[in-house]
Amino acid sequence: MTELCGPRLLAPDAGAWLLLLLLSPLLEECVFRAGLQEWLMRRGAAAVPLSTIAFALLHLGSGWPHALAVAAPGLALALLYRRTRNWGWCALAHSAMNGFAISVCG
């Protein structure tokens, strides 16, 4: 389990809470949903799988287990964006997922 959690989730300080519950969801969803996925959707590309893979690869810095673990939530966020076209809902869901991860790991 520790390979999936990492130090930020195992013992989150105030900075980790801010990063995981506010900054990361806002920035990542702006880039991956409103940016990359929207761009791919407008070009008729396979937006959902490609944005999901890109999202997982972003988390590769924490290791392969972590990158693979965020693939399913990344897919859920991509599907949510495809349905709503509102990255704000994705950021809110992302924050909730991170909160859940903190509760499980911490």
PDB file of N, CA and C in Angstrom:
ATOM      1  N   MET A   1       0.823  -1.198   0.000  1.00  0.00           N
ATOM      2  CA  MET A   1       0.000   0.000   0.000  1.00  0.00           C
ATOM      3  C   MET A   1       0.863   1.257   0.000  1.00  0.00           C
ATOM      4  N   THR A   2       2.015   1.219   0.653  1.00  0.00           N
ATOM      5  CA  THR A   2       2.848   2.420   0.722  1.00  0.00           C
ATOM      6  C   THR A   2       3.350   2.863  -0.643  1.00  0.00           C
ATOM      7  N   GLU A   3       3.530   1.933  -1.571  1.00  0.00           N
ATOM      8  CA  GLU A   3       3.976   2.341  -2.909  1.00  0.00           C
ATOM      9  C   GLU A   3       2.891   3.127  -3.643  1.00  0.00           C
ATOM     10  N   LEU A   4       1.643   2.953  -3.279  1.00  0.00           N
ATOM     11  CA  LEU A   4       0.562   3.718  -3.897  1.00  0.00           C
ATOM     12  C   LEU A   4       0.337   5.056  -3.200  1.00  0.00           C
ATOM     13  N   CYS A   5       0.604   5.085  -1.906  1.00  0.00           N
ATOM     14  CA  CYS A   5       0.298   6.285  -1.129  1.00  0.00           C
ATOM     15  C   CYS A   5       1.380   7.355  -1.229  1.00  0.00           C
ATOM     16  N   GLY A   6       2.587   7.035  -0.945  1.00  0.00           N
ATOM     17  CA  GLY A   6       3.660   8.018  -0.964  1.00  0.00           C
ATOM     18  C   GLY A   6       3.603   8.919   0.259  1.00  0.00           C
ATOM     19  N   PRO A   7       4.660   9.683   0.487  1.00  0.00           N
ATOM     20  CA  PRO A   7       4.761  10.482   1.712  1.00  0.00           C
ATOM     21  C   PRO A   7       3.691  11.558   1.853  1.00  0.00           C
ATOM     22  N   ARG A   8       3.264  12.158   0.753  1.00  0.00           N
ATOM     23  CA  ARG A   8       2.249  13.220   0.843  1.00  0.00           C
ATOM     24  C   ARG A   8       0.906  12.689   1.348  1.00  0.00           C
ATOM     25  N   LEU A   9       0.586  11.457   0.984  1.00  0.00           N
ATOM     26  CA  LEU A   9      -0.683  10.878   1.423  1.00  0.00           C
ATOM     27  C   LEU A   9      -0.572  10.190   2.775  1.00  0.00           C
ATOM     28  N   LEU A  10       0.603   9.653   3.092  1.00  0.00           N
ATOM     29  CA  LEU A  10       0.772   8.948   4.357  1.00  0.00           C
ATOM     30  C   LEU A  10       0.786   9.899   5.548  1.00  0.00           C
ATOM     31  N   ALA A  11       1.423  11.029   5.399  1.00  0.00           N
ATOM     32  CA  ALA A  11       1.523  12.005   6.494  1.00  0.00           C
ATOM     33  C   ALA A  11       1.361  13.404   5.917  1.00  0.00           C
ATOM     34  N   PRO A  12       0.150  13.763   5.511  1.00  0.00           N
ATOM     35  CA  PRO A  12      -0.034  15.064   4.864  1.00  0.00           C
ATOM     36  C   PRO A  12       0.079  16.226   5.857  1.00  0.00           C
ATOM     37  N   ASP A  13       0.872  17.216   5.488  1.00  0.00           N
ATOM     38  CA  ASP A  13       0.945  18.452   6.269  1.00  0.00           C
ATOM     39  C   ASP A  13       0.012  19.464   5.602  1.00  0.00           C
ATOM     40  N   ALA A  14      -0.002  20.690   6.101  1.00  0.00           N
ATOM     41  CA  ALA A  14      -0.909  21.705   5.554  1.00  0.00           C
ATOM     42  C   ALA A  14      -0.640  21.959   4.071  1.00  0.00           C
ATOM     43  N   GLY A  15       0.637  21.953   3.689  1.00  0.00           N
ATOM     44  CA  GLY A  15       0.977  22.162   2.285  1.00  0.00           C
ATOM     45  C   GLY A  15       0.470  21.040   1.395  1.00  0.00           C
ATOM     46  N   ALA A  16       0.556  19.806   1.879  1.00  0.00           N
ATOM     47  CA  ALA A  16       0.067  18.662   1.106  1.00  0.00           C
ATOM     48  C   ALA A  16      -1.450  18.726   0.955  1.00  0.00           C
ATOM     49  N   TRP A  17      -2.138  19.133   2.023  1.00  0.00           N
ATOM     50  CA  TRP A  17      -3.600  19.274   1.942  1.00  0.00           C
ATOM     51  C   TRP A  17      -3.970  20.314   0.887  1.00  0.00           C
ATOM     52  N   LEU A  18      -3.279  21.446   0.914  1.00  0.00           N
ATOM     53  CA  LEU A  18      -3.544  22.507  -0.063  1.00  0.00           C
ATOM     54  C   LEU A  18      -3.270  22.019  -1.480  1.00  0.00           C
ATOM     55  N   LEU A  19      -2.145  21.351  -1.640  1.00  0.00           N
ATOM     56  CA  LEU A  19      -1.765  20.835  -2.955  1.00  0.00           C
ATOM     57  C   LEU A  19      -2.766  19.795  -3.463  1.00  0.00           C
ATOM     58  N   LEU A  20      -3.105  18.829  -2.623  1.00  0.00           N
ATOM     59  CA  LEU A  20      -3.939  17.705  -3.049  1.00  0.00           C
ATOM     60  C   LEU A  20      -5.422  18.042  -3.187  1.00  0.00           C
ATOM     61  N   LEU A  21      -5.900  18.969  -2.371  1.00  0.00           N
ATOM     62  CA  LEU A  21      -7.335  19.251  -2.386  1.00  0.00           C
ATOM     63  C   LEU A  21      -7.722  20.477  -3.192  1.00  0.00           C
ATOM     64  N   LEU A  22      -6.742  21.332  -3.502  1.00  0.00           N
ATOM     65  CA  LEU A  22      -7.090  22.548  -4.230  1.00  0.00           C
ATOM     66  C   LEU A  22      -6.238  22.749  -5.485  1.00  0.00           C
ATOM     67  N   LEU A  23      -4.943  22.873  -5.301  1.00  0.00           N
ATOM     68  CA  LEU A  23      -4.078  23.248  -6.429  1.00  0.00           C
ATOM     69  C   LEU A  23      -4.005  22.181  -7.523  1.00  0.00           C
ATOM     70  N   SER A  24      -3.678  20.949  -7.146  1.00  0.00           N
ATOM     71  CA  SER A  24      -3.569  19.886  -8.160  1.00  0.00           C
ATOM     72  C   SER A  24      -4.870  19.666  -8.918  1.00  0.00           C
ATOM     73  N   PRO A  25      -6.008  19.538  -8.227  1.00  0.00           N
ATOM     74  CA  PRO A  25      -7.246  19.348  -8.999  1.00  0.00           C
ATOM     75  C   PRO A  25      -7.532  20.495  -9.965  1.00  0.00           C
ATOM     76  N   LEU A  26      -7.345  21.725  -9.522  1.00  0.00           N
ATOM     77  CA  LEU A  26      -7.617  22.864 -10.407  1.00  0.00           C
ATOM     78  C   LEU A  26      -6.664  22.894 -11.600  1.00  0.00           C
ATOM     79  N   LEU A  27      -5.378  22.772 -11.321  1.00  0.00           N
ATOM     80  CA  LEU A  27      -4.391  22.866 -12.398  1.00  0.00           C
ATOM     81  C   LEU A  27      -4.457  21.670 -13.352  1.00  0.00           C
ATOM     82  N   GLU A  28      -4.517  20.470 -12.799  1.00  0.00           N
ATOM     83  CA  GLU A  28      -4.521  19.283 -13.654  1.00  0.00           C
ATOM     84  C   GLU A  28      -5.779  19.199 -14.513  1.00  0.00           C
ATOM     85  N   GLU A  29      -6.922  19.535 -13.946  1.00  0.00           N
ATOM     86  CA  GLU A  29      -8.147  19.462 -14.742  1.00  0.00           C
ATOM     87  C   GLU A  29      -8.211  20.575 -15.779  1.00  0.00           C
ATOM     88  N   CYS A  30      -7.655  21.713 -15.463  1.00  0.00           N
ATOM     89  CA  CYS A  30      -7.584  22.786 -16.457  1.00  0.00           C
ATOM     90  C   CYS A  30      -6.717  22.347 -17.635  1.00  0.00           C
ATOM     91  N   VAL A  31      -5.589  21.736 -17.336  1.00  0.00           N
ATOM     92  CA  VAL A  31      -4.670  21.299 -18.393  1.00  0.00           C
ATOM     93  C   VAL A  31      -5.209  20.084 -19.143  1.00  0.00           C
ATOM     94  N   PHE A  32      -5.625  19.053 -18.404  1.00  0.00           N
ATOM     95  CA  PHE A  32      -5.981  17.789 -19.059  1.00  0.00           C
ATOM     96  C   PHE A  32      -7.381  17.764 -19.628  1.00  0.00           C
ATOM     97  N   ARG A  33      -8.348  18.395 -18.981  1.00  0.00           N
ATOM     98  CA  ARG A  33      -9.720  18.351 -19.506  1.00  0.00           C
ATOM     99  C   ARG A  33      -9.997  19.563 -20.400  1.00  0.00           C
ATOM    100  N   ALA A  34      -9.884  20.764 -19.827  1.00  0.00           N
ATOM    101  CA  ALA A  34     -10.194  21.971 -20.608  1.00  0.00           C
ATOM    102  C   ALA A  34      -9.160  22.202 -21.704  1.00  0.00           C
ATOM    103  N   GLY A  35      -7.957  21.695 -21.508  1.00  0.00           N
ATOM    104  CA  GLY A  35      -6.901  21.866 -22.495  1.00  0.00           C
ATOM    105  C   GLY A  35      -6.802  20.692 -23.453  1.00  0.00           C
ATOM    106  N   LEU A  36      -6.107  19.666 -23.026  1.00  0.00           N
ATOM    107  CA  LEU A  36      -5.804  18.531 -23.898  1.00  0.00           C
ATOM    108  C   LEU A  36      -7.059  17.812 -24.397  1.00  0.00           C
ATOM    109  N   GLN A  37      -7.938  17.414 -23.479  1.00  0.00           N
ATOM    110  CA  GLN A  37      -9.102  16.640 -23.913  1.00  0.00           C
ATOM    111  C   GLN A  37     -10.020  17.458 -24.810  1.00  0.00           C
ATOM    112  N   GLU A  38     -10.225  18.705 -24.477  1.00  0.00           N
ATOM    113  CA  GLU A  38     -11.070  19.563 -25.329  1.00  0.00           C
ATOM    114  C   GLU A  38     -10.455  19.702 -26.718  1.00  0.00           C
ATOM    115  N   TRP A  39      -9.143  19.897 -26.771  1.00  0.00           N
ATOM    116  CA  TRP A  39      -8.435  20.027 -28.044  1.00  0.00           C
ATOM    117  C   TRP A  39      -8.597  18.748 -28.868  1.00  0.00           C
ATOM    118  N   LEU A  40      -8.436  17.596 -28.217  1.00  0.00           N
ATOM    119  CA  LEU A  40      -8.582  16.318 -28.917  1.00  0.00           C
ATOM    120  C   LEU A  40     -10.021  16.094 -29.383  1.00  0.00           C
ATOM    121  N   MET A  41     -10.987  16.453 -28.547  1.00  0.00           N
ATOM    122  CA  MET A  41     -12.396  16.265 -28.907  1.00  0.00           C
ATOM    123  C   MET A  41     -12.758  17.088 -30.143  1.00  0.00           C
ATOM    124  N   ARG A  42     -12.244  18.293 -30.223  1.00  0.00           N
ATOM    125  CA  ARG A  42     -12.551  19.157 -31.365  1.00  0.00           C
ATOM    126  C   ARG A  42     -11.939  18.642 -32.659  1.00  0.00           C
ATOM    127  N   ARG A  43     -10.939  17.802 -32.552  1.00  0.00           N
ATOM    128  CA  ARG A  43     -10.287  17.241 -33.733  1.00  0.00           C
ATOM    129  C   ARG A  43     -10.771  15.833 -34.053  1.00  0.00           C
ATOM    130  N   GLY A  44     -11.740  15.351 -33.293  1.00  0.00           N
ATOM    131  CA  GLY A  44     -12.284  14.023 -33.560  1.00  0.00           C
ATOM    132  C   GLY A  44     -11.361  12.893 -33.161  1.00  0.00           C
ATOM    133  N   ALA A  45     -10.373  13.183 -32.332  1.00  0.00           N
ATOM    134  CA  ALA A  45      -9.421  12.154 -31.897  1.00  0.00           C
ATOM    135  C   ALA A  45     -10.020  11.343 -30.749  1.00  0.00           C
ATOM    136  N   ALA A  46      -9.336  10.297 -30.382  1.00  0.00           N
ATOM    137  CA  ALA A  46      -9.744   9.447 -29.261  1.00  0.00           C
ATOM    138  C   ALA A  46      -9.418  10.174 -27.956  1.00  0.00           C
ATOM    139  N   ALA A  47     -10.206  11.186 -27.638  1.00  0.00           N
ATOM    140  CA  ALA A  47      -9.899  12.106 -26.544  1.00  0.00           C
ATOM    141  C   ALA A  47      -9.879  11.448 -25.179  1.00  0.00           C
ATOM    142  N   VAL A  48     -10.844  10.582 -24.898  1.00  0.00           N
ATOM    143  CA  VAL A  48     -10.931   9.982 -23.565  1.00  0.00           C
ATOM    144  C   VAL A  48      -9.723   9.095 -23.277  1.00  0.00           C
ATOM    145  N   PRO A  49      -9.402   8.119 -24.132  1.00  0.00           N
ATOM    146  CA  PRO A  49      -8.237   7.292 -23.801  1.00  0.00           C
ATOM    147  C   PRO A  49      -6.921   8.067 -23.831  1.00  0.00           C
ATOM    148  N   LEU A  50      -6.772   8.987 -24.766  1.00  0.00           N
ATOM    149  CA  LEU A  50      -5.506   9.725 -24.843  1.00  0.00           C
ATOM    150  C   LEU A  50      -5.304  10.646 -23.650  1.00  0.00           C
ATOM    151  N   SER A  51      -6.358  11.325 -23.205  1.00  0.00           N
ATOM    152  CA  SER A  51      -6.203  12.191 -22.037  1.00  0.00           C
ATOM    153  C   SER A  51      -6.018  11.370 -20.767  1.00  0.00           C
ATOM    154  N   THR A  52      -6.623  10.186 -20.719  1.00  0.00           N
ATOM    155  CA  THR A  52      -6.441   9.295 -19.572  1.00  0.00           C
ATOM    156  C   THR A  52      -4.998   8.820 -19.489  1.00  0.00           C
ATOM    157  N   ILE A  53      -4.429   8.437 -20.604  1.00  0.00           N
ATOM    158  CA  ILE A  53      -3.031   7.988 -20.634  1.00  0.00           C
ATOM    159  C   ILE A  53      -2.103   9.133 -20.252  1.00  0.00           C
ATOM    160  N   ALA A  54      -2.345  10.308 -20.789  1.00  0.00           N
ATOM    161  CA  ALA A  54      -1.505  11.467 -20.458  1.00  0.00           C
ATOM    162  C   ALA A  54      -1.589  11.789 -18.976  1.00  0.00           C
ATOM    163  N   PHE A  55      -2.785  11.708 -18.401  1.00  0.00           N
ATOM    164  CA  PHE A  55      -2.989  11.966 -16.978  1.00  0.00           C
ATOM    165  C   PHE A  55      -2.204  10.959 -16.135  1.00  0.00           C
ATOM    166  N   ALA A  56      -2.266   9.688 -16.509  1.00  0.00           N
ATOM    167  CA  ALA A  56      -1.520   8.656 -15.776  1.00  0.00           C
ATOM    168  C   ALA A  56      -0.021   8.891 -15.906  1.00  0.00           C
ATOM    169  N   LEU A  57       0.442   9.247 -17.096  1.00  0.00           N
ATOM    170  CA  LEU A  57       1.875   9.484 -17.295  1.00  0.00           C
ATOM    171  C   LEU A  57       2.376  10.676 -16.487  1.00  0.00           C
ATOM    172  N   LEU A  58       1.527  11.663 -16.257  1.00  0.00           N
ATOM    173  CA  LEU A  58       1.912  12.787 -15.411  1.00  0.00           C
ATOM    174  C   LEU A  58       2.286  12.306 -14.012  1.00  0.00           C
ATOM    175  N   HIS A  59       1.605  11.283 -13.535  1.00  0.00           N
ATOM    176  CA  HIS A  59       1.833  10.776 -12.184  1.00  0.00           C
ATOM    177  C   HIS A  59       2.945   9.729 -12.130  1.00  0.00           C
ATOM    178  N   LEU A  60       3.610   9.514 -13.245  1.00  0.00           N
ATOM    179  CA  LEU A  60       4.694   8.535 -13.304  1.00  0.00           C
ATOM    180  C   LEU A  60       5.864   8.904 -12.400  1.00  0.00           C
ATOM    181  N   GLY A  61       6.018  10.182 -12.096  1.00  0.00           N
ATOM    182  CA  GLY A  61       7.089  10.611 -11.201  1.00  0.00           C
ATOM    183  C   GLY A  61       7.001   9.975  -9.823  1.00  0.00           C
ATOM    184  N   SER A  62       5.811   9.526  -9.453  1.00  0.00           N
ATOM    185  CA  SER A  62       5.615   8.845  -8.167  1.00  0.00           C
ATOM    186  C   SER A  62       5.768   7.335  -8.300  1.00  0.00           C
ATOM    187  N   GLY A  63       6.098   6.867  -9.499  1.00  0.00           N
ATOM    188  CA  GLY A  63       6.311   5.441  -9.733  1.00  0.00           C
ATOM    189  C   GLY A  63       5.200   4.819 -10.558  1.00  0.00           C
ATOM    190  N   TRP A  64       5.517   3.669 -11.172  1.00  0.00           N
ATOM    191  CA  TRP A  64       4.540   2.964 -12.011  1.00  0.00           C
ATOM    192  C   TRP A  64       3.292   2.552 -11.252  1.00  0.00           C
ATOM    193  N   PRO A  65       3.426   2.019 -10.020  1.00  0.00           N
ATOM    194  CA  PRO A  65       2.194   1.629  -9.316  1.00  0.00           C
ATOM    195  C   PRO A  65       1.231   2.810  -9.140  1.00  0.00           C
ATOM    196  N   HIS A  66       1.779   3.971  -8.817  1.00  0.00           N
ATOM    197  CA  HIS A  66       0.938   5.144  -8.631  1.00  0.00           C
ATOM    198  C   HIS A  66       0.318   5.590  -9.963  1.00  0.00           C
ATOM    199  N   ALA A  67       1.114   5.595 -11.022  1.00  0.00           N
ATOM    200  CA  ALA A  67       0.602   5.990 -12.338  1.00  0.00           C
ATOM    201  C   ALA A  67      -0.527   5.064 -12.775  1.00  0.00           C
ATOM    202  N   LEU A  68      -0.370   3.777 -12.538  1.00  0.00           N
ATOM    203  CA  LEU A  68      -1.430   2.829 -12.896  1.00  0.00           C
ATOM    204  C   LEU A  68      -2.655   3.006 -12.006  1.00  0.00           C
ATOM    205  N   ALA A  69      -2.426   3.346 -10.739  1.00  0.00           N
ATOM    206  CA  ALA A  69      -3.543   3.521  -9.802  1.00  0.00           C
ATOM    207  C   ALA A  69      -4.410   4.725 -10.175  1.00  0.00           C
ATOM    208  N   VAL A  70      -3.827   5.755 -10.760  1.00  0.00           N
ATOM    209  CA  VAL A  70      -4.624   6.940 -11.117  1.00  0.00           C
ATOM    210  C   VAL A  70      -5.242   6.826 -12.506  1.00  0.00           C
ATOM    211  N   ALA A  71      -4.969   5.744 -13.213  1.00  0.00           N
ATOM    212  CA  ALA A  71      -5.555   5.590 -14.552  1.00  0.00           C
ATOM    213  C   ALA A  71      -7.075   5.461 -14.485  1.00  0.00           C
ATOM    214  N   ALA A  72      -7.601   4.661 -13.575  1.00  0.00           N
ATOM    215  CA  ALA A  72      -9.063   4.496 -13.478  1.00  0.00           C
ATOM    216  C   ALA A  72      -9.753   5.795 -13.053  1.00  0.00           C
ATOM    217  N   PRO A  73      -9.265   6.490 -12.010  1.00  0.00           N
ATOM    218  CA  PRO A  73      -9.874   7.785 -11.705  1.00  0.00           C
ATOM    219  C   PRO A  73      -9.715   8.787 -12.852  1.00  0.00           C
ATOM    220  N   GLY A  74      -8.587   8.740 -13.551  1.00  0.00           N
ATOM    221  CA  GLY A  74      -8.391   9.615 -14.705  1.00  0.00           C
ATOM    222  C   GLY A  74      -9.400   9.334 -15.802  1.00  0.00           C
ATOM    223  N   LEU A  75      -9.719   8.063 -15.998  1.00  0.00           N
ATOM    224  CA  LEU A  75     -10.737   7.685 -16.976  1.00  0.00           C
ATOM    225  C   LEU A  75     -12.108   8.222 -16.547  1.00  0.00           C
ATOM    226  N   ALA A  76     -12.416   8.097 -15.268  1.00  0.00           N
ATOM    227  CA  ALA A  76     -13.695   8.611 -14.762  1.00  0.00           C
ATOM    228  C   ALA A  76     -13.791  10.126 -14.980  1.00  0.00           C
ATOM    229  N   LEU A  77     -12.706  10.830 -14.732  1.00  0.00           N
ATOM    230  CA  LEU A  77     -12.696  12.283 -14.944  1.00  0.00           C
ATOM    231  C   LEU A  77     -12.838  12.633 -16.428  1.00  0.00           C
ATOM    232  N   ALA A  78     -12.190  11.858 -17.286  1.00  0.00           N
ATOM    233  CA  ALA A  78     -12.310  12.097 -18.732  1.00  0.00           C
ATOM    234  C   ALA A  78     -13.745  11.869 -19.207  1.00  0.00           C
ATOM    235  N   LEU A  79     -14.381  10.833 -18.683  1.00  0.00           N
ATOM    236  CA  LEU A  79     -15.779  10.567 -19.058  1.00  0.00           C
ATOM    237  C   LEU A  79     -16.708  11.648 -18.520  1.00  0.00           C
ATOM    238  N   LEU A  80     -16.432  12.121 -17.313  1.00  0.00           N
ATOM    239  CA  LEU A  80     -17.220  13.214 -16.742  1.00  0.00           C
ATOM    240  C   LEU A  80     -17.089  14.467 -17.599  1.00  0.00           C
ATOM    241  N   TYR A  81     -15.871  14.763 -18.043  1.00  0.00           N
ATOM    242  CA  TYR A  81     -15.690  15.941 -18.879  1.00  0.00           C
ATOM    243  C   TYR A  81     -16.408  15.773 -20.226  1.00  0.00           C
ATOM    244  N   ARG A  82     -16.309  14.585 -20.803  1.00  0.00           N
ATOM    245  CA  ARG A  82     -16.978  14.358 -22.092  1.00  0.00           C
ATOM    246  C   ARG A  82     -18.493  14.572 -21.956  1.00  0.00           C
ATOM    247  N   ARG A  83     -19.031  14.179 -20.817  1.00  0.00           N
ATOM    248  CA  ARG A  83     -20.480  14.314 -20.608  1.00  0.00           C
ATOM    249  C   ARG A  83     -20.895  15.754 -20.306  1.00  0.00           C
ATOM    250  N   THR A  84     -20.103  16.457 -19.474  1.00  0.00           N
ATOM    251  CA  THR A  84     -20.517  17.786 -19.000  1.00  0.00           C
ATOM    252  C   THR A  84     -19.854  18.943 -19.729  1.00  0.00           C
ATOM    253  N   ARG A  85     -18.650  18.703 -20.293  1.00  0.00           N
ATOM    254  CA  ARG A  85     -17.821  19.754 -20.903  1.00  0.00           C
ATOM    255  C   ARG A  85     -17.559  20.887 -19.903  1.00  0.00           C
ATOM    256  N   ASN A  86     -17.462  20.548 -18.626  1.00  0.00           N
ATOM    257  CA  ASN A  86     -17.236  21.511 -17.563  1.00  0.00           C
ATOM    258  C   ASN A  86     -16.088  21.016 -16.699  1.00  0.00           C
ATOM    259  N   TRP A  87     -14.906  21.616 -16.870  1.00  0.00           N
ATOM    260  CA  TRP A  87     -13.752  21.135 -16.125  1.00  0.00           C
ATOM    261  C   TRP A  87     -13.856  21.461 -14.638  1.00  0.00           C
ATOM    262  N   GLY A  88     -14.713  22.378 -14.261  1.00  0.00           N
ATOM    263  CA  GLY A  88     -14.929  22.681 -12.849  1.00  0.00           C
ATOM    264  C   GLY A  88     -15.498  21.488 -12.093  1.00  0.00           C
ATOM    265  N   TRP A  89     -16.451  20.767 -12.720  1.00  0.00           N
ATOM    266  CA  TRP A  89     -16.978  19.558 -12.105  1.00  0.00           C
ATOM    267  C   TRP A  89     -15.883  18.501 -11.968  1.00  0.00           C
ATOM    268  N   CYS A  90     -15.016  18.445 -12.962  1.00  0.00           N
ATOM    269  CA  CYS A  90     -13.901  17.494 -12.907  1.00  0.00           C
ATOM    270  C   CYS A  90     -12.941  17.842 -11.769  1.00  0.00           C
ATOM    271  N   ALA A  91     -12.672  19.129 -11.574  1.00  0.00           N
ATOM    272  CA  ALA A  91     -11.791  19.557 -10.488  1.00  0.00           C
ATOM    273  C   ALA A  91     -12.408  19.221  -9.138  1.00  0.00           C
ATOM    274  N   LEU A  92     -13.704  19.397  -9.006  1.00  0.00           N
ATOM    275  CA  LEU A  92     -14.390  19.065  -7.760  1.00  0.00           C
ATOM    276  C   LEU A  92     -14.322  17.559  -7.494  1.00  0.00           C
ATOM    277  N   ALA A  93     -14.580  16.758  -8.514  1.00  0.00           N
ATOM    278  CA  ALA A  93     -14.499  15.301  -8.368  1.00  0.00           C
ATOM    279  C   ALA A  93     -13.064  14.870  -8.069  1.00  0.00           C
ATOM    280  N   HIS A  94     -12.091  15.493  -8.723  1.00  0.00           N
ATOM    281  CA  HIS A  94     -10.681  15.196  -8.507  1.00  0.00           C
ATOM    282  C   HIS A  94     -10.307  15.479  -7.058  1.00  0.00           C
ATOM    283  N   SER A  95     -10.755  16.607  -6.542  1.00  0.00           N
ATOM    284  CA  SER A  95     -10.488  16.959  -5.146  1.00  0.00           C
ATOM    285  C   SER A  95     -11.102  15.926  -4.203  1.00  0.00           C
ATOM    286  N   ALA A  96     -12.317  15.494  -4.495  1.00  0.00           N
ATOM    287  CA  ALA A  96     -12.967  14.477  -3.670  1.00  0.00           C
ATOM    288  C   ALA A  96     -12.198  13.157  -3.713  1.00  0.00           C
ATOM    289  N   MET A  97     -11.704  12.790  -4.889  1.00  0.00           N
ATOM    290  CA  MET A  97     -10.912  11.561  -5.015  1.00  0.00           C
ATOM    291  C   MET A  97      -9.621  11.666  -4.207  1.00  0.00           C
ATOM    292  N   ASN A  98      -8.970  12.818  -4.267  1.00  0.00           N
ATOM    293  CA  ASN A  98      -7.747  13.020  -3.480  1.00  0.00           C
ATOM    294  C   ASN A  98      -8.060  12.971  -1.983  1.00  0.00           C
ATOM    295  N   GLY A  99      -9.190  13.558  -1.583  1.00  0.00           N
ATOM    296  CA  GLY A  99      -9.594  13.480  -0.184  1.00  0.00           C
ATOM    297  C   GLY A  99      -9.811  12.055   0.265  1.00  0.00           C
ATOM    298  N   PHE A 100     -10.421  11.253  -0.597  1.00  0.00           N
ATOM    299  CA  PHE A 100     -10.610   9.839  -0.304  1.00  0.00           C
ATOM    300  C   PHE A 100      -9.258   9.132  -0.162  1.00  0.00           C
ATOM    301  N   ALA A 101      -8.330   9.426  -1.064  1.00  0.00           N
ATOM    302  CA  ALA A 101      -7.004   8.820  -1.003  1.00  0.00           C
ATOM    303  C   ALA A 101      -6.297   9.174   0.305  1.00  0.00           C
ATOM    304  N   ILE A 102      -6.431  10.424   0.736  1.00  0.00           N
ATOM    305  CA  ILE A 102      -5.828  10.825   2.021  1.00  0.00           C
ATOM    306  C   ILE A 102      -6.457  10.035   3.167  1.00  0.00           C
ATOM    307  N   SER A 103      -7.772   9.858   3.119  1.00  0.00           N
ATOM    308  CA  SER A 103      -8.437   9.143   4.211  1.00  0.00           C
ATOM    309  C   SER A 103      -8.044   7.671   4.257  1.00  0.00           C
ATOM    310  N   VAL A 104      -7.794   7.072   3.108  1.00  0.00           N
ATOM    311  CA  VAL A 104      -7.403   5.674   3.055  1.00  0.00           C
ATOM    312  C   VAL A 104      -5.931   5.508   3.463  1.00  0.00           C
ATOM    313  N   CYS A 105      -5.080   6.388   2.999  1.00  0.00           N
ATOM    314  CA  CYS A 105      -3.641   6.248   3.243  1.00  0.00           C
ATOM    315  C   CYS A 105      -3.195   6.795   4.611  1.00  0.00           C
ATOM    316  N   GLY A 106      -3.849   7.855   5.071  1.00  0.00           N
ATOM    317  CA  GLY A 106      -3.395   8.529   6.279  1.00  0.00           C
ATOM    318  C   GLY A 106      -3.820   7.922   7.551  1.00  0.00           C
TER     319      GLY A 106
END
